[in-house]
């Protein structure tokens, strides 16, 4: 399971973002703030888009925005294929780094 640190805000909410930890595996995403679990969902339940202001996560009619510290690795772990150009560059650099160390095989 991969763990990421980030900030979460709800689309349209004026409150400041909260610090969260995001646990991600092949099938599920769990978001918590300290000892409080915000939610846990199957990845098939989520619609995630990488945008300039963060990852827009839509679930059950709600939209939250995650600003993830290691956004390139987060996007790769999610299997995202599209992203804004700055994020795509970070993703490409990680893929090159992984292929240089033998962590993944590029086809």
N, C-alpha and C. Protein backbone atom coordinates (compact mmCIF):
# COMPACT_ATOMS: atom_id res chain seq x y z
N UNK A 1 0.86 -1.18 0.00
CA UNK A 1 0.00 0.00 0.00
C UNK A 1 0.90 1.23 0.00
N UNK A 2 0.57 2.19 -0.84
CA UNK A 2 1.31 3.44 -0.91
C UNK A 2 0.59 4.49 -0.06
N UNK A 3 1.39 5.30 0.62
CA UNK A 3 0.83 6.37 1.45
C UNK A 3 1.32 7.71 0.93
N UNK A 4 0.42 8.67 0.91
CA UNK A 4 0.72 10.01 0.41
C UNK A 4 0.21 11.04 1.40
N UNK A 5 0.91 12.14 1.49
CA UNK A 5 0.48 13.29 2.30
C UNK A 5 -0.10 14.34 1.36
N UNK A 6 -1.08 15.07 1.84
CA UNK A 6 -1.66 16.10 1.00
C UNK A 6 -2.63 16.98 1.75
N UNK A 7 -3.31 17.81 0.99
CA UNK A 7 -4.34 18.70 1.51
C UNK A 7 -5.64 18.39 0.77
N UNK A 8 -6.73 18.45 1.50
CA UNK A 8 -8.04 18.16 0.93
C UNK A 8 -8.96 19.36 1.13
N UNK A 9 -9.68 19.69 0.09
CA UNK A 9 -10.75 20.68 0.22
C UNK A 9 -11.93 20.21 -0.61
N UNK A 10 -13.10 20.64 -0.21
CA UNK A 10 -14.32 20.28 -0.91
C UNK A 10 -14.61 21.36 -1.95
N UNK A 11 -14.92 20.92 -3.16
CA UNK A 11 -15.24 21.86 -4.24
C UNK A 11 -16.34 22.82 -3.79
N UNK A 12 -16.09 24.10 -3.93
CA UNK A 12 -17.08 25.11 -3.57
C UNK A 12 -17.09 25.52 -2.12
N UNK A 13 -16.31 24.86 -1.27
CA UNK A 13 -16.27 25.16 0.15
C UNK A 13 -15.25 26.28 0.39
N UNK A 14 -15.57 27.22 1.28
CA UNK A 14 -14.67 28.34 1.56
C UNK A 14 -13.71 28.04 2.70
N UNK A 15 -13.90 26.93 3.41
CA UNK A 15 -13.01 26.58 4.50
C UNK A 15 -11.61 26.26 3.96
N UNK A 16 -10.58 26.50 4.77
CA UNK A 16 -9.23 26.16 4.32
C UNK A 16 -9.07 24.65 4.18
N UNK A 17 -8.12 24.21 3.34
CA UNK A 17 -7.92 22.76 3.19
C UNK A 17 -7.39 22.14 4.47
N UNK A 18 -7.64 20.84 4.61
CA UNK A 18 -7.14 20.11 5.78
C UNK A 18 -6.03 19.15 5.35
N UNK A 19 -5.10 18.91 6.24
CA UNK A 19 -4.02 17.95 5.98
C UNK A 19 -4.57 16.54 6.08
N UNK A 20 -4.22 15.72 5.10
CA UNK A 20 -4.73 14.35 5.07
C UNK A 20 -3.61 13.38 4.69
N UNK A 21 -3.86 12.12 5.03
CA UNK A 21 -3.03 11.03 4.54
C UNK A 21 -3.90 10.19 3.63
N UNK A 22 -3.35 9.83 2.49
CA UNK A 22 -4.07 9.05 1.49
C UNK A 22 -3.38 7.70 1.37
N UNK A 23 -4.11 6.65 1.66
CA UNK A 23 -3.60 5.29 1.49
C UNK A 23 -4.21 4.73 0.21
N UNK A 24 -3.36 4.22 -0.65
CA UNK A 24 -3.80 3.77 -1.96
C UNK A 24 -3.23 2.39 -2.25
N UNK A 25 -4.11 1.48 -2.67
CA UNK A 25 -3.63 0.20 -3.18
C UNK A 25 -4.28 -0.04 -4.53
N UNK A 26 -4.19 -1.24 -5.05
CA UNK A 26 -4.70 -1.52 -6.39
C UNK A 26 -6.21 -1.40 -6.51
N UNK A 27 -6.90 -1.48 -5.38
CA UNK A 27 -8.36 -1.52 -5.43
C UNK A 27 -9.07 -0.44 -4.63
N UNK A 28 -8.38 0.17 -3.64
CA UNK A 28 -9.08 1.08 -2.72
C UNK A 28 -8.26 2.32 -2.42
N UNK A 29 -8.97 3.39 -2.07
CA UNK A 29 -8.36 4.62 -1.58
C UNK A 29 -8.99 4.96 -0.24
N UNK A 30 -8.15 5.24 0.75
CA UNK A 30 -8.62 5.63 2.08
C UNK A 30 -8.00 6.97 2.41
N UNK A 31 -8.81 7.92 2.86
CA UNK A 31 -8.34 9.25 3.22
C UNK A 31 -8.65 9.48 4.68
N UNK A 32 -7.63 9.91 5.43
CA UNK A 32 -7.84 10.19 6.84
C UNK A 32 -7.12 11.48 7.22
N UNK A 33 -7.64 12.11 8.26
CA UNK A 33 -7.04 13.31 8.84
C UNK A 33 -6.77 12.99 10.30
N UNK A 34 -5.50 12.72 10.60
CA UNK A 34 -5.17 12.29 11.96
C UNK A 34 -5.81 10.95 12.24
N UNK A 35 -6.54 10.86 13.31
CA UNK A 35 -7.22 9.61 13.68
C UNK A 35 -8.60 9.47 13.05
N UNK A 36 -9.05 10.49 12.32
CA UNK A 36 -10.40 10.49 11.74
C UNK A 36 -10.36 10.03 10.28
N UNK A 37 -11.10 8.97 10.00
CA UNK A 37 -11.20 8.51 8.62
C UNK A 37 -12.26 9.34 7.90
N UNK A 38 -11.85 9.98 6.82
CA UNK A 38 -12.78 10.79 6.02
C UNK A 38 -13.59 9.89 5.10
N UNK A 39 -12.93 8.89 4.54
CA UNK A 39 -13.66 7.97 3.68
C UNK A 39 -12.76 6.88 3.14
N UNK A 40 -13.41 5.81 2.71
CA UNK A 40 -12.72 4.71 2.04
C UNK A 40 -13.61 4.25 0.91
N UNK A 41 -13.03 4.16 -0.29
CA UNK A 41 -13.80 3.83 -1.47
C UNK A 41 -13.02 2.86 -2.34
N UNK A 42 -13.76 2.06 -3.09
CA UNK A 42 -13.15 1.28 -4.15
C UNK A 42 -12.79 2.22 -5.29
N UNK A 43 -11.68 1.99 -5.94
CA UNK A 43 -11.26 2.88 -7.02
C UNK A 43 -12.29 2.94 -8.14
N UNK A 44 -13.05 1.86 -8.32
CA UNK A 44 -14.08 1.87 -9.37
C UNK A 44 -15.22 2.84 -9.05
N UNK A 45 -15.37 3.23 -7.78
CA UNK A 45 -16.40 4.19 -7.38
C UNK A 45 -16.00 5.63 -7.66
N UNK A 46 -14.71 5.87 -7.86
CA UNK A 46 -14.17 7.22 -7.95
C UNK A 46 -13.95 7.64 -9.40
N UNK A 47 -14.16 8.90 -9.66
CA UNK A 47 -13.79 9.52 -10.93
C UNK A 47 -12.72 10.54 -10.58
N UNK A 48 -11.49 10.27 -11.02
CA UNK A 48 -10.35 11.12 -10.64
C UNK A 48 -9.76 11.76 -11.88
N UNK A 49 -9.62 13.08 -11.82
CA UNK A 49 -9.03 13.85 -12.91
C UNK A 49 -7.90 14.69 -12.35
N UNK A 50 -6.76 14.65 -13.03
CA UNK A 50 -5.64 15.51 -12.65
C UNK A 50 -5.85 16.87 -13.31
N UNK A 51 -5.90 17.91 -12.50
CA UNK A 51 -6.09 19.28 -12.99
C UNK A 51 -4.94 20.13 -12.46
N UNK A 52 -4.87 21.36 -12.91
CA UNK A 52 -3.79 22.25 -12.46
C UNK A 52 -3.84 22.51 -10.96
N UNK A 53 -5.03 22.52 -10.36
CA UNK A 53 -5.14 22.82 -8.93
C UNK A 53 -5.15 21.58 -8.05
N UNK A 54 -4.95 20.40 -8.62
CA UNK A 54 -4.91 19.17 -7.84
C UNK A 54 -5.70 18.06 -8.50
N UNK A 55 -5.91 16.99 -7.77
CA UNK A 55 -6.68 15.85 -8.26
C UNK A 55 -8.13 16.04 -7.85
N UNK A 56 -9.01 16.14 -8.82
CA UNK A 56 -10.44 16.27 -8.56
C UNK A 56 -11.01 14.87 -8.44
N UNK A 57 -11.55 14.57 -7.27
CA UNK A 57 -12.09 13.24 -6.98
C UNK A 57 -13.60 13.38 -6.81
N UNK A 58 -14.34 12.71 -7.68
CA UNK A 58 -15.79 12.74 -7.60
C UNK A 58 -16.29 11.38 -7.13
N UNK A 59 -17.14 11.44 -6.09
CA UNK A 59 -17.73 10.22 -5.55
C UNK A 59 -19.08 10.58 -4.93
N UNK A 60 -20.09 9.78 -5.21
CA UNK A 60 -21.43 9.93 -4.63
C UNK A 60 -21.95 11.36 -4.75
N UNK A 61 -21.75 11.98 -5.91
CA UNK A 61 -22.28 13.32 -6.14
C UNK A 61 -21.49 14.45 -5.52
N UNK A 62 -20.42 14.15 -4.85
CA UNK A 62 -19.56 15.17 -4.22
C UNK A 62 -18.24 15.24 -4.96
N UNK A 63 -17.59 16.39 -4.86
CA UNK A 63 -16.27 16.55 -5.46
C UNK A 63 -15.32 17.14 -4.44
N UNK A 64 -14.18 16.49 -4.28
CA UNK A 64 -13.13 17.02 -3.42
C UNK A 64 -11.87 17.18 -4.26
N UNK A 65 -11.02 18.06 -3.79
CA UNK A 65 -9.78 18.33 -4.50
C UNK A 65 -8.62 17.97 -3.57
N UNK A 66 -7.74 17.09 -4.06
CA UNK A 66 -6.57 16.67 -3.31
C UNK A 66 -5.33 17.32 -3.91
N UNK A 67 -4.58 18.01 -3.08
CA UNK A 67 -3.29 18.56 -3.46
C UNK A 67 -2.26 17.64 -2.82
N UNK A 68 -1.71 16.73 -3.61
CA UNK A 68 -0.84 15.67 -3.10
C UNK A 68 0.62 16.09 -3.26
N UNK A 69 1.40 15.90 -2.18
CA UNK A 69 2.80 16.32 -2.21
C UNK A 69 3.59 15.60 -3.29
N UNK A 70 3.48 14.30 -3.39
CA UNK A 70 4.20 13.52 -4.40
C UNK A 70 3.21 13.20 -5.53
N UNK A 71 2.79 14.26 -6.24
CA UNK A 71 1.71 14.12 -7.21
C UNK A 71 2.06 13.23 -8.39
N UNK A 72 3.33 13.22 -8.81
CA UNK A 72 3.73 12.37 -9.93
C UNK A 72 3.58 10.89 -9.60
N UNK A 73 4.07 10.49 -8.44
CA UNK A 73 3.95 9.10 -8.02
C UNK A 73 2.49 8.72 -7.78
N UNK A 74 1.71 9.66 -7.19
CA UNK A 74 0.29 9.42 -6.96
C UNK A 74 -0.42 9.16 -8.28
N UNK A 75 -0.16 9.99 -9.29
CA UNK A 75 -0.79 9.82 -10.60
C UNK A 75 -0.41 8.49 -11.23
N UNK A 76 0.87 8.12 -11.13
CA UNK A 76 1.30 6.83 -11.67
C UNK A 76 0.66 5.67 -10.93
N UNK A 77 0.60 5.76 -9.62
CA UNK A 77 -0.01 4.68 -8.83
C UNK A 77 -1.50 4.53 -9.13
N UNK A 78 -2.15 5.63 -9.48
CA UNK A 78 -3.56 5.57 -9.87
C UNK A 78 -3.74 5.03 -11.28
N UNK A 79 -2.66 5.07 -12.07
CA UNK A 79 -2.75 4.63 -13.46
C UNK A 79 -3.32 5.68 -14.38
N UNK A 80 -3.21 6.95 -13.99
CA UNK A 80 -3.75 8.03 -14.83
C UNK A 80 -2.96 8.12 -16.13
N UNK A 81 -3.67 8.36 -17.20
CA UNK A 81 -3.05 8.48 -18.52
C UNK A 81 -3.01 9.92 -19.01
N UNK A 82 -3.86 10.78 -18.44
CA UNK A 82 -3.88 12.18 -18.86
C UNK A 82 -3.64 13.06 -17.64
N UNK A 83 -2.94 14.17 -17.89
CA UNK A 83 -2.62 15.12 -16.81
C UNK A 83 -2.14 16.41 -17.45
N UNK A 84 -2.18 17.51 -16.70
CA UNK A 84 -1.64 18.76 -17.21
C UNK A 84 -0.13 18.61 -17.49
N UNK A 85 0.41 19.39 -18.43
CA UNK A 85 1.82 19.24 -18.82
C UNK A 85 2.84 19.21 -17.67
N UNK A 86 2.75 20.08 -16.64
CA UNK A 86 3.76 19.99 -15.57
C UNK A 86 3.74 18.64 -14.85
N UNK A 87 2.56 18.11 -14.61
CA UNK A 87 2.43 16.81 -13.94
C UNK A 87 2.91 15.69 -14.86
N UNK A 88 2.59 15.78 -16.15
CA UNK A 88 3.06 14.76 -17.10
C UNK A 88 4.59 14.70 -17.11
N UNK A 89 5.25 15.86 -17.01
CA UNK A 89 6.72 15.87 -16.98
C UNK A 89 7.24 15.16 -15.73
N UNK A 90 6.62 15.41 -14.57
CA UNK A 90 7.05 14.73 -13.34
C UNK A 90 6.80 13.22 -13.45
N UNK A 91 5.68 12.83 -14.04
CA UNK A 91 5.38 11.42 -14.22
C UNK A 91 6.42 10.76 -15.13
N UNK A 92 6.76 11.44 -16.23
CA UNK A 92 7.74 10.90 -17.17
C UNK A 92 9.10 10.76 -16.50
N UNK A 93 9.49 11.73 -15.68
CA UNK A 93 10.77 11.64 -14.98
C UNK A 93 10.79 10.45 -14.04
N UNK A 94 9.69 10.21 -13.34
CA UNK A 94 9.61 9.05 -12.44
C UNK A 94 9.69 7.74 -13.22
N UNK A 95 9.03 7.69 -14.36
CA UNK A 95 9.08 6.49 -15.18
C UNK A 95 10.50 6.23 -15.68
N UNK A 96 11.19 7.29 -16.11
CA UNK A 96 12.59 7.14 -16.54
C UNK A 96 13.45 6.65 -15.39
N UNK A 97 13.24 7.24 -14.20
CA UNK A 97 14.01 6.85 -13.02
C UNK A 97 13.75 5.38 -12.67
N UNK A 98 12.51 4.96 -12.72
CA UNK A 98 12.16 3.57 -12.42
C UNK A 98 12.76 2.63 -13.44
N UNK A 99 12.76 3.01 -14.71
CA UNK A 99 13.31 2.12 -15.72
C UNK A 99 14.83 2.04 -15.59
N UNK A 100 15.48 3.12 -15.16
CA UNK A 100 16.93 3.11 -14.95
C UNK A 100 17.33 2.20 -13.80
N UNK A 101 16.47 2.09 -12.79
CA UNK A 101 16.78 1.25 -11.63
C UNK A 101 16.20 -0.16 -11.78
N UNK A 102 15.47 -0.39 -12.86
CA UNK A 102 14.91 -1.72 -13.08
C UNK A 102 13.63 -1.98 -12.34
N UNK A 103 13.00 -0.93 -11.76
CA UNK A 103 11.77 -1.12 -10.99
C UNK A 103 10.58 -1.46 -11.87
N UNK A 104 10.59 -0.96 -13.12
CA UNK A 104 9.49 -1.26 -14.03
C UNK A 104 10.08 -1.53 -15.40
N UNK A 105 9.25 -2.10 -16.24
CA UNK A 105 9.67 -2.35 -17.61
C UNK A 105 8.79 -1.54 -18.52
N UNK A 106 9.40 -0.70 -19.34
CA UNK A 106 8.66 0.11 -20.30
C UNK A 106 8.58 -0.62 -21.62
N UNK A 107 7.42 -0.56 -22.26
CA UNK A 107 7.32 -1.20 -23.56
C UNK A 107 7.25 -0.18 -24.66
